Amino acid sequence: MIGGIQNVSALSFTRAMEGASETGSSSSILQMPLTGQMQGVAPASGDFGATLASMATDMVGSLRGAEQASLDGINGQADMREVVDAVMTAEQTLQTAIAIRDKIVTAYLEVSRMQI
């Protein structure tokens, strides 16, 4: 059940990143060196797209774990507390993903309304 969602989201993400790299302006901004970094803060490794992909992978893993725990609970192979913990963790992860998605959509709509 989760696998189909992951495949669709990965395809959409890949297409979006291909469009961004074709414009040239996005990729040049990402490749610019950071100046004036704060002391005591480690420089960011990777790019924003890789971070989002990693977060999506972790989210899908959490949802799969909760799904498996609930199936184990139905079969009597898992304790009720383990099932509840897994489902609550997956719910929190899903709520976080929804909040991030909403912020991204809001930011996109705000940028699209700007006058050039």
Foldseek 3Di string as FASTA:
>chain_A
DLVVVVVVVVVVLVVVVVVQVVVVPNVVVQPDDDPPDDPPDDDDPDDPSVVVVVLVVVLSVLVVVLVVQVVCVVVVNDDPVVNVVSVVVSVVSVVVVVVVVVVVVVVVVVVVPDDD
